[in-house]
Amino acid sequence: MRMNAYQLFLLVVIITWPFVIGGLLFAMSRIEVWIERMDADTPEQAGLEPVSGGEREVKIVFGDRVVGEDEERADDGGRVNTEETPASG
């Protein structure tokens, strides 16, 4: 049995169409989620959950002390109390 070019084309179409349709549906789903995130006003509306706890990713070091670790805060808007922290010269 020998197939001509048209029959071969139809065979390829019949075999590949489910994969093409599945790919289109997957792409449409991903685009829909992306658009929902773009239109959101808050991270919660976008479906993003805040990360809580754990170790900080960045440490700011001035001389021999790390900023943000065991520092006493003054009542002036959260500034570091520098009276007890000597300036390194």
PDB file of N, CA and C in Angstrom:
ATOM      1  N   MET A   1       0.840  -1.166   0.000  1.00  0.00           N
ATOM      2  CA  MET A   1       0.000   0.000   0.000  1.00  0.00           C
ATOM      3  C   MET A   1       0.897   1.245   0.000  1.00  0.00           C
ATOM      4  N   ARG A   2       0.684   2.050  -0.964  1.00  0.00           N
ATOM      5  CA  ARG A   2       1.481   3.256  -1.133  1.00  0.00           C
ATOM      6  C   ARG A   2       0.589   4.466  -0.945  1.00  0.00           C
ATOM      7  N   MET A   3       1.093   5.479  -0.169  1.00  0.00           N
ATOM      8  CA  MET A   3       0.302   6.682   0.095  1.00  0.00           C
ATOM      9  C   MET A   3       0.872   7.833  -0.729  1.00  0.00           C
ATOM     10  N   ASN A   4      -0.043   8.640  -1.248  1.00  0.00           N
ATOM     11  CA  ASN A   4       0.421   9.820  -1.959  1.00  0.00           C
ATOM     12  C   ASN A   4       0.648  10.969  -0.967  1.00  0.00           C
ATOM     13  N   ALA A   5       1.066  12.107  -1.430  1.00  0.00           N
ATOM     14  CA  ALA A   5       1.443  13.223  -0.567  1.00  0.00           C
ATOM     15  C   ALA A   5       0.250  13.739   0.244  1.00  0.00           C
ATOM     16  N   TYR A   6      -0.924  13.765  -0.360  1.00  0.00           N
ATOM     17  CA  TYR A   6      -2.101  14.256   0.350  1.00  0.00           C
ATOM     18  C   TYR A   6      -2.474  13.331   1.501  1.00  0.00           C
ATOM     19  N   GLN A   7      -2.416  12.056   1.290  1.00  0.00           N
ATOM     20  CA  GLN A   7      -2.732  11.099   2.348  1.00  0.00           C
ATOM     21  C   GLN A   7      -1.702  11.174   3.477  1.00  0.00           C
ATOM     22  N   LEU A   8      -0.455  11.363   3.128  1.00  0.00           N
ATOM     23  CA  LEU A   8       0.591  11.516   4.131  1.00  0.00           C
ATOM     24  C   LEU A   8       0.357  12.794   4.963  1.00  0.00           C
ATOM     25  N   PHE A   9      -0.039  13.869   4.295  1.00  0.00           N
ATOM     26  CA  PHE A   9      -0.363  15.112   4.993  1.00  0.00           C
ATOM     27  C   PHE A   9      -1.527  14.910   5.961  1.00  0.00           C
ATOM     28  N   LEU A  10      -2.575  14.227   5.512  1.00  0.00           N
ATOM     29  CA  LEU A  10      -3.713  13.965   6.386  1.00  0.00           C
ATOM     30  C   LEU A  10      -3.323  13.102   7.584  1.00  0.00           C
ATOM     31  N   LEU A  11      -2.437  12.136   7.390  1.00  0.00           N
ATOM     32  CA  LEU A  11      -1.970  11.291   8.479  1.00  0.00           C
ATOM     33  C   LEU A  11      -1.217  12.119   9.520  1.00  0.00           C
ATOM     34  N   VAL A  12      -0.370  13.027   9.061  1.00  0.00           N
ATOM     35  CA  VAL A  12       0.370  13.895   9.977  1.00  0.00           C
ATOM     36  C   VAL A  12      -0.589  14.798  10.752  1.00  0.00           C
ATOM     37  N   VAL A  13      -1.585  15.349  10.076  1.00  0.00           N
ATOM     38  CA  VAL A  13      -2.565  16.208  10.736  1.00  0.00           C
ATOM     39  C   VAL A  13      -3.347  15.427  11.788  1.00  0.00           C
ATOM     40  N   ILE A  14      -3.771  14.218  11.462  1.00  0.00           N
ATOM     41  CA  ILE A  14      -4.538  13.402  12.401  1.00  0.00           C
ATOM     42  C   ILE A  14      -3.711  13.041  13.633  1.00  0.00           C
ATOM     43  N   ILE A  15      -2.433  12.805  13.459  1.00  0.00           N
ATOM     44  CA  ILE A  15      -1.579  12.423  14.582  1.00  0.00           C
ATOM     45  C   ILE A  15      -1.211  13.633  15.446  1.00  0.00           C
ATOM     46  N   THR A  16      -0.972  14.782  14.818  1.00  0.00           N
ATOM     47  CA  THR A  16      -0.460  15.923  15.581  1.00  0.00           C
ATOM     48  C   THR A  16      -1.522  16.851  16.154  1.00  0.00           C
ATOM     49  N   TRP A  17      -2.760  16.813  15.690  1.00  0.00           N
ATOM     50  CA  TRP A  17      -3.740  17.787  16.149  1.00  0.00           C
ATOM     51  C   TRP A  17      -4.018  17.724  17.646  1.00  0.00           C
ATOM     52  N   PRO A  18      -4.050  16.563  18.300  1.00  0.00           N
ATOM     53  CA  PRO A  18      -4.287  16.585  19.756  1.00  0.00           C
ATOM     54  C   PRO A  18      -3.166  17.310  20.522  1.00  0.00           C
ATOM     55  N   PHE A  19      -1.924  17.147  20.070  1.00  0.00           N
ATOM     56  CA  PHE A  19      -0.815  17.815  20.725  1.00  0.00           C
ATOM     57  C   PHE A  19      -0.867  19.328  20.526  1.00  0.00           C
ATOM     58  N   VAL A  20      -1.250  19.751  19.345  1.00  0.00           N
ATOM     59  CA  VAL A  20      -1.369  21.184  19.055  1.00  0.00           C
ATOM     60  C   VAL A  20      -2.480  21.802  19.900  1.00  0.00           C
ATOM     61  N   ILE A  21      -3.621  21.145  19.982  1.00  0.00           N
ATOM     62  CA  ILE A  21      -4.742  21.651  20.778  1.00  0.00           C
ATOM     63  C   ILE A  21      -4.345  21.697  22.258  1.00  0.00           C
ATOM     64  N   GLY A  22      -3.685  20.651  22.756  1.00  0.00           N
ATOM     65  CA  GLY A  22      -3.228  20.628  24.148  1.00  0.00           C
ATOM     66  C   GLY A  22      -2.250  21.750  24.434  1.00  0.00           C
ATOM     67  N   GLY A  23      -1.334  22.001  23.513  1.00  0.00           N
ATOM     68  CA  GLY A  23      -0.382  23.090  23.679  1.00  0.00           C
ATOM     69  C   GLY A  23      -1.067  24.443  23.706  1.00  0.00           C
ATOM     70  N   LEU A  24      -2.046  24.647  22.850  1.00  0.00           N
ATOM     71  CA  LEU A  24      -2.789  25.904  22.840  1.00  0.00           C
ATOM     72  C   LEU A  24      -3.559  26.100  24.146  1.00  0.00           C
ATOM     73  N   LEU A  25      -4.195  25.050  24.644  1.00  0.00           N
ATOM     74  CA  LEU A  25      -4.928  25.153  25.905  1.00  0.00           C
ATOM     75  C   LEU A  25      -3.983  25.454  27.066  1.00  0.00           C
ATOM     76  N   PHE A  26      -2.823  24.819  27.090  1.00  0.00           N
ATOM     77  CA  PHE A  26      -1.840  25.077  28.131  1.00  0.00           C
ATOM     78  C   PHE A  26      -1.353  26.518  28.064  1.00  0.00           C
ATOM     79  N   ALA A  27      -1.051  26.999  26.867  1.00  0.00           N
ATOM     80  CA  ALA A  27      -0.577  28.376  26.701  1.00  0.00           C
ATOM     81  C   ALA A  27      -1.648  29.379  27.109  1.00  0.00           C
ATOM     82  N   MET A  28      -2.899  29.106  26.760  1.00  0.00           N
ATOM     83  CA  MET A  28      -3.985  30.008  27.138  1.00  0.00           C
ATOM     84  C   MET A  28      -4.156  30.050  28.652  1.00  0.00           C
ATOM     85  N   SER A  29      -4.001  28.920  29.310  1.00  0.00           N
ATOM     86  CA  SER A  29      -4.105  28.870  30.769  1.00  0.00           C
ATOM     87  C   SER A  29      -2.999  29.692  31.416  1.00  0.00           C
ATOM     88  N   ARG A  30      -1.777  29.547  30.929  1.00  0.00           N
ATOM     89  CA  ARG A  30      -0.650  30.303  31.482  1.00  0.00           C
ATOM     90  C   ARG A  30      -0.818  31.810  31.254  1.00  0.00           C
ATOM     91  N   ILE A  31      -1.297  32.187  30.078  1.00  0.00           N
ATOM     92  CA  ILE A  31      -1.511  33.598  29.776  1.00  0.00           C
ATOM     93  C   ILE A  31      -2.617  34.165  30.662  1.00  0.00           C
ATOM     94  N   GLU A  32      -3.670  33.378  30.917  1.00  0.00           N
ATOM     95  CA  GLU A  32      -4.765  33.826  31.777  1.00  0.00           C
ATOM     96  C   GLU A  32      -4.264  34.100  33.200  1.00  0.00           C
ATOM     97  N   VAL A  33      -3.433  33.212  33.733  1.00  0.00           N
ATOM     98  CA  VAL A  33      -2.870  33.413  35.071  1.00  0.00           C
ATOM     99  C   VAL A  33      -1.982  34.650  35.084  1.00  0.00           C
ATOM    100  N   TRP A  34      -1.190  34.831  34.053  1.00  0.00           N
ATOM    101  CA  TRP A  34      -0.306  35.993  33.965  1.00  0.00           C
ATOM    102  C   TRP A  34      -1.107  37.296  33.934  1.00  0.00           C
ATOM    103  N   ILE A  35      -2.199  37.322  33.175  1.00  0.00           N
ATOM    104  CA  ILE A  35      -3.036  38.518  33.089  1.00  0.00           C
ATOM    105  C   ILE A  35      -3.704  38.805  34.427  1.00  0.00           C
ATOM    106  N   GLU A  36      -4.145  37.757  35.137  1.00  0.00           N
ATOM    107  CA  GLU A  36      -4.735  37.950  36.460  1.00  0.00           C
ATOM    108  C   GLU A  36      -3.731  38.575  37.415  1.00  0.00           C
ATOM    109  N   ARG A  37      -2.478  38.161  37.333  1.00  0.00           N
ATOM    110  CA  ARG A  37      -1.453  38.746  38.197  1.00  0.00           C
ATOM    111  C   ARG A  37      -1.159  40.187  37.814  1.00  0.00           C
ATOM    112  N   MET A  38      -1.212  40.493  36.531  1.00  0.00           N
ATOM    113  CA  MET A  38      -0.937  41.859  36.080  1.00  0.00           C
ATOM    114  C   MET A  38      -2.031  42.822  36.545  1.00  0.00           C
ATOM    115  N   ASP A  39      -3.286  42.359  36.594  1.00  0.00           N
ATOM    116  CA  ASP A  39      -4.414  43.220  36.952  1.00  0.00           C
ATOM    117  C   ASP A  39      -4.620  43.341  38.458  1.00  0.00           C
ATOM    118  N   ALA A  40      -3.923  42.565  39.258  1.00  0.00           N
ATOM    119  CA  ALA A  40      -4.131  42.573  40.703  1.00  0.00           C
ATOM    120  C   ALA A  40      -3.555  43.835  41.333  1.00  0.00           C
ATOM    121  N   ASP A  41      -4.228  44.281  42.401  1.00  0.00           N
ATOM    122  CA  ASP A  41      -3.771  45.459  43.129  1.00  0.00           C
ATOM    123  C   ASP A  41      -2.846  45.097  44.282  1.00  0.00           C
ATOM    124  N   THR A  42      -2.993  43.895  44.815  1.00  0.00           N
ATOM    125  CA  THR A  42      -2.174  43.462  45.946  1.00  0.00           C
ATOM    126  C   THR A  42      -1.574  42.098  45.642  1.00  0.00           C
ATOM    127  N   PRO A  43      -0.516  41.722  46.334  1.00  0.00           N
ATOM    128  CA  PRO A  43       0.055  40.384  46.124  1.00  0.00           C
ATOM    129  C   PRO A  43      -0.924  39.270  46.452  1.00  0.00           C
ATOM    130  N   GLU A  44      -1.812  39.503  47.435  1.00  0.00           N
ATOM    131  CA  GLU A  44      -2.795  38.481  47.787  1.00  0.00           C
ATOM    132  C   GLU A  44      -3.780  38.253  46.645  1.00  0.00           C
ATOM    133  N   GLN A  45      -4.195  39.313  45.979  1.00  0.00           N
ATOM    134  CA  GLN A  45      -5.096  39.178  44.837  1.00  0.00           C
ATOM    135  C   GLN A  45      -4.414  38.471  43.680  1.00  0.00           C
ATOM    136  N   ALA A  46      -3.120  38.627  43.583  1.00  0.00           N
ATOM    137  CA  ALA A  46      -2.373  37.990  42.502  1.00  0.00           C
ATOM    138  C   ALA A  46      -2.079  36.526  42.797  1.00  0.00           C
ATOM    139  N   GLY A  47      -2.445  36.079  43.996  1.00  0.00           N
ATOM    140  CA  GLY A  47      -2.192  34.687  44.341  1.00  0.00           C
ATOM    141  C   GLY A  47      -0.799  34.442  44.869  1.00  0.00           C
ATOM    142  N   LEU A  48      -0.103  35.512  45.224  1.00  0.00           N
ATOM    143  CA  LEU A  48       1.244  35.388  45.763  1.00  0.00           C
ATOM    144  C   LEU A  48       1.160  35.476  47.280  1.00  0.00           C
ATOM    145  N   GLU A  49       1.759  34.518  47.952  1.00  0.00           N
ATOM    146  CA  GLU A  49       1.741  34.519  49.401  1.00  0.00           C
ATOM    147  C   GLU A  49       3.056  35.090  49.919  1.00  0.00           C
ATOM    148  N   PRO A  50       2.982  35.924  50.946  1.00  0.00           N
ATOM    149  CA  PRO A  50       4.211  36.494  51.478  1.00  0.00           C
ATOM    150  C   PRO A  50       5.067  35.435  52.164  1.00  0.00           C
ATOM    151  N   VAL A  51       6.352  35.628  52.099  1.00  0.00           N
ATOM    152  CA  VAL A  51       7.281  34.714  52.743  1.00  0.00           C
ATOM    153  C   VAL A  51       7.438  35.173  54.184  1.00  0.00           C
ATOM    154  N   SER A  52       7.299  34.249  55.112  1.00  0.00           N
ATOM    155  CA  SER A  52       7.416  34.634  56.508  1.00  0.00           C
ATOM    156  C   SER A  52       8.497  33.816  57.191  1.00  0.00           C
ATOM    157  N   GLY A  53       9.179  34.468  58.126  1.00  0.00           N
ATOM    158  CA  GLY A  53      10.180  33.782  58.929  1.00  0.00           C
ATOM    159  C   GLY A  53      11.433  33.461  58.142  1.00  0.00           C
ATOM    160  N   GLY A  54      12.298  32.716  58.789  1.00  0.00           N
ATOM    161  CA  GLY A  54      13.518  32.288  58.128  1.00  0.00           C
ATOM    162  C   GLY A  54      14.635  33.301  58.256  1.00  0.00           C
ATOM    163  N   GLU A  55      15.741  32.950  57.745  1.00  0.00           N
ATOM    164  CA  GLU A  55      16.934  33.790  57.783  1.00  0.00           C
ATOM    165  C   GLU A  55      16.844  34.884  56.726  1.00  0.00           C
ATOM    166  N   ARG A  56      17.335  36.071  57.059  1.00  0.00           N
ATOM    167  CA  ARG A  56      17.359  37.152  56.083  1.00  0.00           C
ATOM    168  C   ARG A  56      18.339  36.815  54.971  1.00  0.00           C
ATOM    169  N   GLU A  57      18.028  37.278  53.779  1.00  0.00           N
ATOM    170  CA  GLU A  57      18.877  36.976  52.640  1.00  0.00           C
ATOM    171  C   GLU A  57      20.088  37.903  52.561  1.00  0.00           C
ATOM    172  N   VAL A  58      19.955  39.119  53.088  1.00  0.00           N
ATOM    173  CA  VAL A  58      21.012  40.110  52.969  1.00  0.00           C
ATOM    174  C   VAL A  58      21.377  40.606  54.356  1.00  0.00           C
ATOM    175  N   LYS A  59      22.659  40.730  54.624  1.00  0.00           N
ATOM    176  CA  LYS A  59      23.133  41.316  55.875  1.00  0.00           C
ATOM    177  C   LYS A  59      23.964  42.539  55.526  1.00  0.00           C
ATOM    178  N   ILE A  60      23.671  43.642  56.199  1.00  0.00           N
ATOM    179  CA  ILE A  60      24.430  44.866  55.991  1.00  0.00           C
ATOM    180  C   ILE A  60      25.424  44.975  57.136  1.00  0.00           C
ATOM    181  N   VAL A  61      26.698  45.038  56.811  1.00  0.00           N
ATOM    182  CA  VAL A  61      27.751  45.051  57.817  1.00  0.00           C
ATOM    183  C   VAL A  61      28.483  46.381  57.761  1.00  0.00           C
ATOM    184  N   PHE A  62      28.546  47.058  58.930  1.00  0.00           N
ATOM    185  CA  PHE A  62      29.359  48.257  59.092  1.00  0.00           C
ATOM    186  C   PHE A  62      30.455  47.927  60.087  1.00  0.00           C
ATOM    187  N   GLY A  63      31.660  47.823  59.607  1.00  0.00           N
ATOM    188  CA  GLY A  63      32.774  47.488  60.487  1.00  0.00           C
ATOM    189  C   GLY A  63      32.613  46.093  61.057  1.00  0.00           C
ATOM    190  N   ASP A  64      32.430  46.027  62.394  1.00  0.00           N
ATOM    191  CA  ASP A  64      32.310  44.718  63.035  1.00  0.00           C
ATOM    192  C   ASP A  64      30.889  44.421  63.498  1.00  0.00           C
ATOM    193  N   ARG A  65      29.908  45.250  63.134  1.00  0.00           N
ATOM    194  CA  ARG A  65      28.540  44.966  63.555  1.00  0.00           C
ATOM    195  C   ARG A  65      27.631  44.800  62.345  1.00  0.00           C
ATOM    196  N   VAL A  66      26.609  43.987  62.527  1.00  0.00           N
ATOM    197  CA  VAL A  66      25.625  43.720  61.484  1.00  0.00           C
ATOM    198  C   VAL A  66      24.395  44.557  61.773  1.00  0.00           C
ATOM    199  N   VAL A  67      23.960  45.340  60.805  1.00  0.00           N
ATOM    200  CA  VAL A  67      22.801  46.210  60.970  1.00  0.00           C
ATOM    201  C   VAL A  67      21.546  45.353  61.078  1.00  0.00           C
ATOM    202  N   GLY A  68      20.710  45.665  62.077  1.00  0.00           N
ATOM    203  CA  GLY A  68      19.450  44.960  62.232  1.00  0.00           C
ATOM    204  C   GLY A  68      19.494  43.827  63.228  1.00  0.00           C
ATOM    205  N   GLU A  69      20.644  43.457  63.731  1.00  0.00           N
ATOM    206  CA  GLU A  69      20.744  42.385  64.711  1.00  0.00           C
ATOM    207  C   GLU A  69      20.940  42.972  66.094  1.00  0.00           C
ATOM    208  N   ASP A  70      20.031  42.674  66.997  1.00  0.00           N
ATOM    209  CA  ASP A  70      20.119  43.061  68.404  1.00  0.00           C
ATOM    210  C   ASP A  70      20.399  44.539  68.598  1.00  0.00           C
ATOM    211  N   GLU A  71      19.715  45.381  67.859  1.00  0.00           N
ATOM    212  CA  GLU A  71      19.880  46.816  68.018  1.00  0.00           C
ATOM    213  C   GLU A  71      18.682  47.365  68.771  1.00  0.00           C
ATOM    214  N   GLU A  72      18.948  48.271  69.694  1.00  0.00           N
ATOM    215  CA  GLU A  72      17.869  48.917  70.407  1.00  0.00           C
ATOM    216  C   GLU A  72      17.338  50.048  69.542  1.00  0.00           C
ATOM    217  N   ARG A  73      16.046  50.138  69.488  1.00  0.00           N
ATOM    218  CA  ARG A  73      15.409  51.182  68.684  1.00  0.00           C
ATOM    219  C   ARG A  73      14.942  52.305  69.592  1.00  0.00           C
ATOM    220  N   ALA A  74      15.142  53.520  69.154  1.00  0.00           N
ATOM    221  CA  ALA A  74      14.666  54.687  69.902  1.00  0.00           C
ATOM    222  C   ALA A  74      13.224  54.956  69.510  1.00  0.00           C
ATOM    223  N   ASP A  75      12.604  55.891  70.194  1.00  0.00           N
ATOM    224  CA  ASP A  75      11.221  56.239  69.892  1.00  0.00           C
ATOM    225  C   ASP A  75      11.124  57.330  68.832  1.00  0.00           C
ATOM    226  N   ASP A  76      12.135  57.504  68.036  1.00  0.00           N
ATOM    227  CA  ASP A  76      12.139  58.568  67.033  1.00  0.00           C
ATOM    228  C   ASP A  76      11.981  58.019  65.617  1.00  0.00           C
ATOM    229  N   GLY A  77      10.970  57.179  65.431  1.00  0.00           N
ATOM    230  CA  GLY A  77      10.674  56.687  64.093  1.00  0.00           C
ATOM    231  C   GLY A  77      11.484  55.482  63.677  1.00  0.00           C
ATOM    232  N   GLY A  78      12.035  54.744  64.619  1.00  0.00           N
ATOM    233  CA  GLY A  78      12.738  53.527  64.279  1.00  0.00           C
ATOM    234  C   GLY A  78      14.202  53.694  63.981  1.00  0.00           C
ATOM    235  N   ARG A  79      14.781  54.829  64.289  1.00  0.00           N
ATOM    236  CA  ARG A  79      16.216  55.023  64.060  1.00  0.00           C
ATOM    237  C   ARG A  79      17.008  54.257  65.110  1.00  0.00           C
ATOM    238  N   VAL A  80      18.189  53.859  64.745  1.00  0.00           N
ATOM    239  CA  VAL A  80      19.052  53.112  65.651  1.00  0.00           C
ATOM    240  C   VAL A  80      19.579  54.043  66.731  1.00  0.00           C
ATOM    241  N   ASN A  81      19.547  53.574  67.979  1.00  0.00           N
ATOM    242  CA  ASN A  81      20.077  54.354  69.094  1.00  0.00           C
ATOM    243  C   ASN A  81      21.601  54.295  69.021  1.00  0.00           C
ATOM    244  N   THR A  82      22.220  55.417  68.671  1.00  0.00           N
ATOM    245  CA  THR A  82      23.660  55.440  68.462  1.00  0.00           C
ATOM    246  C   THR A  82      24.444  55.854  69.697  1.00  0.00           C
ATOM    247  N   GLU A  83      23.750  56.129  70.797  1.00  0.00           N
ATOM    248  CA  GLU A  83      24.445  56.538  72.006  1.00  0.00           C
ATOM    249  C   GLU A  83      25.295  55.399  72.562  1.00  0.00           C
ATOM    250  N   GLU A  84      24.828  54.167  72.428  1.00  0.00           N
ATOM    251  CA  GLU A  84      25.568  53.021  72.955  1.00  0.00           C
ATOM    252  C   GLU A  84      26.497  52.414  71.924  1.00  0.00           C
ATOM    253  N   THR A  85      26.348  52.786  70.666  1.00  0.00           N
ATOM    254  CA  THR A  85      27.157  52.211  69.596  1.00  0.00           C
ATOM    255  C   THR A  85      28.307  53.153  69.288  1.00  0.00           C
ATOM    256  N   PRO A  86      29.531  52.750  69.609  1.00  0.00           N
ATOM    257  CA  PRO A  86      30.660  53.639  69.324  1.00  0.00           C
ATOM    258  C   PRO A  86      30.929  53.703  67.819  1.00  0.00           C
ATOM    259  N   ALA A  87      31.315  54.879  67.386  1.00  0.00           N
ATOM    260  CA  ALA A  87      31.668  55.054  65.977  1.00  0.00           C
ATOM    261  C   ALA A  87      33.063  54.499  65.759  1.00  0.00           C
ATOM    262  N   SER A  88      33.200  53.680  64.709  1.00  0.00           N
ATOM    263  CA  SER A  88      34.528  53.137  64.421  1.00  0.00           C
ATOM    264  C   SER A  88      35.287  54.179  63.605  1.00  0.00           C
ATOM    265  N   GLY A  89      36.505  54.441  64.036  1.00  0.00           N
ATOM    266  CA  GLY A  89      37.213  55.562  63.470  1.00  0.00           C
ATOM    267  C   GLY A  89      38.199  55.205  62.455  1.00  0.00           C
TER     268      GLY A  89
END
